[in-house]
Structure formats: structure tokens, C-alpha cells
PDB file of all heavy atoms in Angstrom:
ATOM      1  N   SER A   1     137.203 324.832 193.235  1.00  0.00           N
ATOM      2  CA  SER A   1     136.301 324.651 192.117  1.00  0.00           C
ATOM      3  C   SER A   1     136.382 325.856 191.168  1.00  0.00           C
ATOM      4  O   SER A   1     136.937 326.870 191.541  1.00  0.00           O
ATOM      5  CB  SER A   1     134.809 324.470 192.496  1.00  0.00           C
ATOM      6  OG  SER A   1     134.682 323.245 193.261  1.00  0.00           O
ATOM      7  N   GLY A   2     135.874 325.714 189.896  1.00  0.00           N
ATOM      8  CA  GLY A   2     136.013 326.687 188.879  1.00  0.00           C
ATOM      9  C   GLY A   2     134.899 327.826 188.942  1.00  0.00           C
ATOM     10  O   GLY A   2     135.237 328.950 189.360  1.00  0.00           O
ATOM     11  N   ILE A   3     133.781 327.521 188.458  1.00  0.00           N
ATOM     12  CA  ILE A   3     132.709 328.518 188.222  1.00  0.00           C
ATOM     13  C   ILE A   3     131.440 328.039 188.888  1.00  0.00           C
ATOM     14  O   ILE A   3     130.972 326.920 188.705  1.00  0.00           O
ATOM     15  CB  ILE A   3     132.379 328.766 186.766  1.00  0.00           C
ATOM     16  CG1 ILE A   3     133.702 329.373 186.061  1.00  0.00           C
ATOM     17  CG2 ILE A   3     131.197 329.755 186.589  1.00  0.00           C
ATOM     18  CD1 ILE A   3     133.403 329.476 184.518  1.00  0.00           C
ATOM     19  N   LYS A   4     130.801 328.944 189.771  1.00  0.00           N
ATOM     20  CA  LYS A   4     129.507 328.629 190.311  1.00  0.00           C
ATOM     21  C   LYS A   4     128.533 329.783 189.946  1.00  0.00           C
ATOM     22  O   LYS A   4     128.776 330.976 190.120  1.00  0.00           O
ATOM     23  CB  LYS A   4     129.539 328.491 191.852  1.00  0.00           C
ATOM     24  CG  LYS A   4     128.198 328.174 192.444  1.00  0.00           C
ATOM     25  CD  LYS A   4     128.255 327.883 193.957  1.00  0.00           C
ATOM     26  CE  LYS A   4     126.900 327.482 194.509  1.00  0.00           C
ATOM     27  NZ  LYS A   4     126.989 327.167 195.888  1.00  0.00           N
ATOM     28  N   LEU A   5     127.381 329.403 189.379  1.00  0.00           N
ATOM     29  CA  LEU A   5     126.449 330.388 188.916  1.00  0.00           C
ATOM     30  C   LEU A   5     125.082 330.144 189.631  1.00  0.00           C
ATOM     31  O   LEU A   5     124.523 329.053 189.595  1.00  0.00           O
ATOM     32  CB  LEU A   5     126.156 330.176 187.414  1.00  0.00           C
ATOM     33  CG  LEU A   5     127.412 330.241 186.543  1.00  0.00           C
ATOM     34  CD1 LEU A   5     127.142 329.554 185.160  1.00  0.00           C
ATOM     35  CD2 LEU A   5     127.738 331.639 186.345  1.00  0.00           C
ATOM     36  N   THR A   6     124.571 331.203 190.245  1.00  0.00           N
ATOM     37  CA  THR A   6     123.167 331.279 190.709  1.00  0.00           C
ATOM     38  C   THR A   6     122.490 332.460 190.092  1.00  0.00           C
ATOM     39  O   THR A   6     121.636 333.094 190.697  1.00  0.00           O
ATOM     40  CB  THR A   6     123.156 331.287 192.287  1.00  0.00           C
ATOM     41  OG1 THR A   6     123.883 332.418 192.773  1.00  0.00           O
ATOM     42  CG2 THR A   6     123.722 329.977 192.839  1.00  0.00           C
ATOM     43  N   SER A   7     122.917 332.838 188.906  1.00  0.00           N
ATOM     44  CA  SER A   7     122.410 333.960 188.158  1.00  0.00           C
ATOM     45  C   SER A   7     121.057 333.670 187.621  1.00  0.00           C
ATOM     46  O   SER A   7     120.532 332.588 187.626  1.00  0.00           O
ATOM     47  CB  SER A   7     123.436 334.416 187.159  1.00  0.00           C
ATOM     48  OG  SER A   7     123.738 333.233 186.330  1.00  0.00           O
ATOM     49  N   GLY A   8     120.553 334.770 186.974  1.00  0.00           N
ATOM     50  CA  GLY A   8     119.206 334.576 186.343  1.00  0.00           C
ATOM     51  C   GLY A   8     119.287 334.193 184.927  1.00  0.00           C
ATOM     52  O   GLY A   8     119.823 333.192 184.552  1.00  0.00           O
ATOM     53  N   ALA A   9     118.705 335.067 184.006  1.00  0.00           N
ATOM     54  CA  ALA A   9     118.753 334.742 182.625  1.00  0.00           C
ATOM     55  C   ALA A   9     118.848 335.984 181.799  1.00  0.00           C
ATOM     56  O   ALA A   9     118.335 336.979 182.142  1.00  0.00           O
ATOM     57  CB  ALA A   9     117.478 333.996 182.257  1.00  0.00           C
ATOM     58  N   PRO A  10     119.581 335.883 180.681  1.00  0.00           N
ATOM     59  CA  PRO A  10     120.375 334.775 180.221  1.00  0.00           C
ATOM     60  C   PRO A  10     121.605 334.535 180.972  1.00  0.00           C
ATOM     61  O   PRO A  10     122.253 335.552 181.422  1.00  0.00           O
ATOM     62  CB  PRO A  10     120.524 334.935 178.771  1.00  0.00           C
ATOM     63  CG  PRO A  10     120.635 336.488 178.626  1.00  0.00           C
ATOM     64  CD  PRO A  10     119.688 336.979 179.654  1.00  0.00           C
ATOM     65  N   THR A  11     122.046 333.320 181.062  1.00  0.00           N
ATOM     66  CA  THR A  11     123.377 332.935 181.604  1.00  0.00           C
ATOM     67  C   THR A  11     124.152 332.266 180.465  1.00  0.00           C
ATOM     68  O   THR A  11     123.717 331.259 180.000  1.00  0.00           O
ATOM     69  CB  THR A  11     123.177 332.008 182.812  1.00  0.00           C
ATOM     70  OG1 THR A  11     122.681 332.708 183.903  1.00  0.00           O
ATOM     71  CG2 THR A  11     124.575 331.462 183.238  1.00  0.00           C
ATOM     72  N   ASN A  12     125.294 332.869 180.140  1.00  0.00           N
ATOM     73  CA  ASN A  12     126.016 332.400 179.023  1.00  0.00           C
ATOM     74  C   ASN A  12     127.476 332.151 179.422  1.00  0.00           C
ATOM     75  O   ASN A  12     128.120 333.057 179.930  1.00  0.00           O
ATOM     76  CB  ASN A  12     125.989 333.409 177.850  1.00  0.00           C
ATOM     77  CG  ASN A  12     124.602 333.669 177.338  1.00  0.00           C
ATOM     78  OD1 ASN A  12     123.882 332.706 177.122  1.00  0.00           O
ATOM     79  ND2 ASN A  12     124.271 334.923 177.200  1.00  0.00           N
ATOM     80  N   VAL A  13     127.925 330.893 179.318  1.00  0.00           N
ATOM     81  CA  VAL A  13     129.290 330.462 179.723  1.00  0.00           C
ATOM     82  C   VAL A  13     129.919 329.870 178.430  1.00  0.00           C
ATOM     83  O   VAL A  13     129.562 328.816 178.003  1.00  0.00           O
ATOM     84  CB  VAL A  13     129.218 329.453 180.847  1.00  0.00           C
ATOM     85  CG1 VAL A  13     130.604 329.133 181.343  1.00  0.00           C
ATOM     86  CG2 VAL A  13     128.381 329.975 182.042  1.00  0.00           C
ATOM     87  N   ILE A  14     130.902 330.666 177.895  1.00  0.00           N
ATOM     88  CA  ILE A  14     131.395 330.354 176.570  1.00  0.00           C
ATOM     89  C   ILE A  14     132.923 330.390 176.528  1.00  0.00           C
ATOM     90  O   ILE A  14     133.525 331.400 176.916  1.00  0.00           O
ATOM     91  CB  ILE A  14     130.872 331.391 175.586  1.00  0.00           C
ATOM     92  CG1 ILE A  14     129.317 331.481 175.614  1.00  0.00           C
ATOM     93  CG2 ILE A  14     131.313 331.056 174.152  1.00  0.00           C
ATOM     94  CD1 ILE A  14     128.712 332.758 174.986  1.00  0.00           C
ATOM     95  N   GLY A  15     133.514 329.317 176.040  1.00  0.00           N
ATOM     96  CA  GLY A  15     134.893 329.321 175.651  1.00  0.00           C
ATOM     97  C   GLY A  15     135.849 329.500 176.852  1.00  0.00           C
ATOM     98  O   GLY A  15     137.001 330.056 176.638  1.00  0.00           O
ATOM     99  N   ASN A  16     135.566 328.970 178.038  1.00  0.00           N
ATOM    100  CA  ASN A  16     136.497 329.135 179.167  1.00  0.00           C
ATOM    101  C   ASN A  16     137.359 327.869 179.320  1.00  0.00           C
ATOM    102  O   ASN A  16     136.839 326.728 179.038  1.00  0.00           O
ATOM    103  CB  ASN A  16     135.682 329.285 180.495  1.00  0.00           C
ATOM    104  CG  ASN A  16     134.806 330.528 180.421  1.00  0.00           C
ATOM    105  OD1 ASN A  16     135.288 331.629 180.607  1.00  0.00           O
ATOM    106  ND2 ASN A  16     133.508 330.420 180.147  1.00  0.00           N
ATOM    107  N   ASP A  17     138.539 328.013 179.790  1.00  0.00           N
ATOM    108  CA  ASP A  17     139.449 326.880 180.139  1.00  0.00           C
ATOM    109  C   ASP A  17     139.492 326.817 181.665  1.00  0.00           C
ATOM    110  O   ASP A  17     139.965 327.750 182.277  1.00  0.00           O
ATOM    111  CB  ASP A  17     140.863 327.063 179.572  1.00  0.00           C
ATOM    112  CG  ASP A  17     140.916 326.952 178.024  1.00  0.00           C
ATOM    113  OD1 ASP A  17     139.929 326.462 177.455  1.00  0.00           O
ATOM    114  OD2 ASP A  17     141.975 327.263 177.444  1.00  0.00           O
ATOM    115  N   ILE A  18     139.176 325.610 182.240  1.00  0.00           N
ATOM    116  CA  ILE A  18     139.151 325.424 183.625  1.00  0.00           C
ATOM    117  C   ILE A  18     139.983 324.193 183.929  1.00  0.00           C
ATOM    118  O   ILE A  18     139.636 323.120 183.522  1.00  0.00           O
ATOM    119  CB  ILE A  18     137.766 325.301 184.128  1.00  0.00           C
ATOM    120  CG1 ILE A  18     136.894 326.512 183.702  1.00  0.00           C
ATOM    121  CG2 ILE A  18     137.704 325.031 185.661  1.00  0.00           C
ATOM    122  CD1 ILE A  18     135.334 326.236 183.928  1.00  0.00           C
ATOM    123  N   ILE A  19     141.014 324.372 184.704  1.00  0.00           N
ATOM    124  CA  ILE A  19     141.942 323.267 185.099  1.00  0.00           C
ATOM    125  C   ILE A  19     141.899 323.159 186.608  1.00  0.00           C
ATOM    126  O   ILE A  19     142.241 324.129 187.321  1.00  0.00           O
ATOM    127  CB  ILE A  19     143.353 323.433 184.558  1.00  0.00           C
ATOM    128  CG1 ILE A  19     143.308 323.441 183.017  1.00  0.00           C
ATOM    129  CG2 ILE A  19     144.192 322.316 185.017  1.00  0.00           C
ATOM    130  CD1 ILE A  19     144.596 323.757 182.333  1.00  0.00           C
ATOM    131  N   LEU A  20     141.487 322.046 187.113  1.00  0.00           N
ATOM    132  CA  LEU A  20     141.340 321.834 188.575  1.00  0.00           C
ATOM    133  C   LEU A  20     142.432 320.889 189.088  1.00  0.00           C
ATOM    134  O   LEU A  20     142.482 319.775 188.665  1.00  0.00           O
ATOM    135  CB  LEU A  20     139.964 321.280 188.862  1.00  0.00           C
ATOM    136  CG  LEU A  20     138.814 322.168 188.424  1.00  0.00           C
ATOM    137  CD1 LEU A  20     137.447 321.462 188.631  1.00  0.00           C
ATOM    138  CD2 LEU A  20     138.750 323.545 188.997  1.00  0.00           C
ATOM    139  N   ASN A  21     143.322 321.405 189.995  1.00  0.00           N
ATOM    140  CA  ASN A  21     144.314 320.599 190.643  1.00  0.00           C
ATOM    141  C   ASN A  21     145.063 319.683 189.634  1.00  0.00           C
ATOM    142  O   ASN A  21     145.274 318.536 189.861  1.00  0.00           O
ATOM    143  CB  ASN A  21     143.670 319.707 191.771  1.00  0.00           C
ATOM    144  CG  ASN A  21     144.719 319.324 192.756  1.00  0.00           C
ATOM    145  OD1 ASN A  21     145.574 320.185 193.167  1.00  0.00           O
ATOM    146  ND2 ASN A  21     144.766 318.088 193.156  1.00  0.00           N
ATOM    147  N   ASN A  22     145.416 320.321 188.470  1.00  0.00           N
ATOM    148  CA  ASN A  22     146.191 319.598 187.500  1.00  0.00           C
ATOM    149  C   ASN A  22     145.548 318.359 186.966  1.00  0.00           C
ATOM    150  O   ASN A  22     146.202 317.306 186.659  1.00  0.00           O
ATOM    151  CB  ASN A  22     147.632 319.365 188.011  1.00  0.00           C
ATOM    152  CG  ASN A  22     148.591 319.172 186.785  1.00  0.00           C
ATOM    153  OD1 ASN A  22     148.434 319.720 185.789  1.00  0.00           O
ATOM    154  ND2 ASN A  22     149.702 318.356 187.056  1.00  0.00           N
ATOM    155  N   GLY A  23     144.187 318.277 186.999  1.00  0.00           N
ATOM    156  CA  GLY A  23     143.493 317.140 186.473  1.00  0.00           C
ATOM    157  C   GLY A  23     143.165 316.080 187.515  1.00  0.00           C
ATOM    158  O   GLY A  23     142.625 315.015 187.138  1.00  0.00           O
ATOM    159  N   VAL A  24     143.534 316.253 188.774  1.00  0.00           N
ATOM    160  CA  VAL A  24     143.187 315.261 189.824  1.00  0.00           C
ATOM    161  C   VAL A  24     141.853 315.541 190.358  1.00  0.00           C
ATOM    162  O   VAL A  24     141.570 316.653 190.845  1.00  0.00           O
ATOM    163  CB  VAL A  24     144.216 315.295 190.931  1.00  0.00           C
ATOM    164  CG1 VAL A  24     143.881 314.289 192.027  1.00  0.00           C
ATOM    165  CG2 VAL A  24     145.678 314.993 190.448  1.00  0.00           C
ATOM    166  N   PRO A  25     140.848 314.551 190.256  1.00  0.00           N
ATOM    167  CA  PRO A  25     139.433 314.860 190.653  1.00  0.00           C
ATOM    168  C   PRO A  25     139.237 314.783 192.173  1.00  0.00           C
ATOM    169  O   PRO A  25     138.758 313.754 192.612  1.00  0.00           O
ATOM    170  CB  PRO A  25     138.718 313.793 189.913  1.00  0.00           C
ATOM    171  CG  PRO A  25     139.660 312.621 189.795  1.00  0.00           C
ATOM    172  CD  PRO A  25     141.024 313.204 189.662  1.00  0.00           C
ATOM    173  N   LEU A  26     139.564 315.844 192.805  1.00  0.00           N
ATOM    174  CA  LEU A  26     139.362 315.921 194.285  1.00  0.00           C
ATOM    175  C   LEU A  26     137.870 315.980 194.681  1.00  0.00           C
ATOM    176  O   LEU A  26     137.138 316.667 194.051  1.00  0.00           O
ATOM    177  CB  LEU A  26     140.130 317.009 194.880  1.00  0.00           C
ATOM    178  CG  LEU A  26     141.636 317.038 194.698  1.00  0.00           C
ATOM    179  CD1 LEU A  26     142.287 318.319 195.237  1.00  0.00           C
ATOM    180  CD2 LEU A  26     142.260 315.761 195.259  1.00  0.00           C
ATOM    181  N   GLU A  27     137.478 315.232 195.722  1.00  0.00           N
ATOM    182  CA  GLU A  27     136.122 315.179 196.161  1.00  0.00           C
ATOM    183  C   GLU A  27     135.576 316.596 196.532  1.00  0.00           C
ATOM    184  O   GLU A  27     136.282 317.396 197.139  1.00  0.00           O
ATOM    185  CB  GLU A  27     135.995 314.215 197.370  1.00  0.00           C
ATOM    186  CG  GLU A  27     134.536 313.937 197.723  1.00  0.00           C
ATOM    187  CD  GLU A  27     134.361 312.795 198.686  1.00  0.00           C
ATOM    188  OE1 GLU A  27     135.347 312.110 198.947  1.00  0.00           O
ATOM    189  OE2 GLU A  27     133.261 312.651 199.195  1.00  0.00           O
ATOM    190  N   GLY A  28     134.329 316.850 196.152  1.00  0.00           N
ATOM    191  CA  GLY A  28     133.723 318.152 196.463  1.00  0.00           C
ATOM    192  C   GLY A  28     134.014 319.260 195.440  1.00  0.00           C
ATOM    193  O   GLY A  28     133.488 320.291 195.605  1.00  0.00           O
ATOM    194  N   THR A  29     134.766 318.944 194.462  1.00  0.00           N
ATOM    195  CA  THR A  29     135.104 320.052 193.505  1.00  0.00           C
ATOM    196  C   THR A  29     134.352 319.857 192.135  1.00  0.00           C
ATOM    197  O   THR A  29     133.921 318.799 191.833  1.00  0.00           O
ATOM    198  CB  THR A  29     136.618 320.091 193.177  1.00  0.00           C
ATOM    199  OG1 THR A  29     137.014 318.759 192.590  1.00  0.00           O
ATOM    200  CG2 THR A  29     137.462 320.332 194.437  1.00  0.00           C
ATOM    201  N   PHE A  30     134.171 320.955 191.496  1.00  0.00           N
ATOM    202  CA  PHE A  30     133.496 320.950 190.174  1.00  0.00           C
ATOM    203  C   PHE A  30     134.088 321.927 189.228  1.00  0.00           C
ATOM    204  O   PHE A  30     134.687 322.990 189.683  1.00  0.00           O
ATOM    205  CB  PHE A  30     131.938 321.262 190.338  1.00  0.00           C
ATOM    206  CG  PHE A  30     131.711 322.526 191.194  1.00  0.00           C
ATOM    207  CD1 PHE A  30     131.727 323.746 190.639  1.00  0.00           C
ATOM    208  CD2 PHE A  30     131.485 322.417 192.591  1.00  0.00           C
ATOM    209  CE1 PHE A  30     131.527 324.898 191.389  1.00  0.00           C
ATOM    210  CE2 PHE A  30     131.186 323.576 193.311  1.00  0.00           C
ATOM    211  CZ  PHE A  30     131.258 324.771 192.674  1.00  0.00           C
ATOM    212  N   GLY A  31     133.938 321.665 187.988  1.00  0.00           N
ATOM    213  CA  GLY A  31     134.365 322.670 186.934  1.00  0.00           C
ATOM    214  C   GLY A  31     133.451 323.842 186.829  1.00  0.00           C
ATOM    215  O   GLY A  31     133.784 324.957 187.025  1.00  0.00           O
TER     216      GLY A  31
END
């Protein structure tokens, strides 16, 4: 998976490119 956040505040996620397994949606994964 790409990014996992359990942070506080503020949390800012801006302008990232995330490619997971060349676009194949494997079970249990997240962007």
C-alpha cells in the first residue's frame, strides 16, 4: 500500500503520485 496516516492535526497530503502494482487492485491494498 501507499500511505497510512494515524497522525494528528493538521494532516496535509498534497500532490503525491501513488502507483500500486502497476494498477492491478490487489486485495488488502490501499493508496
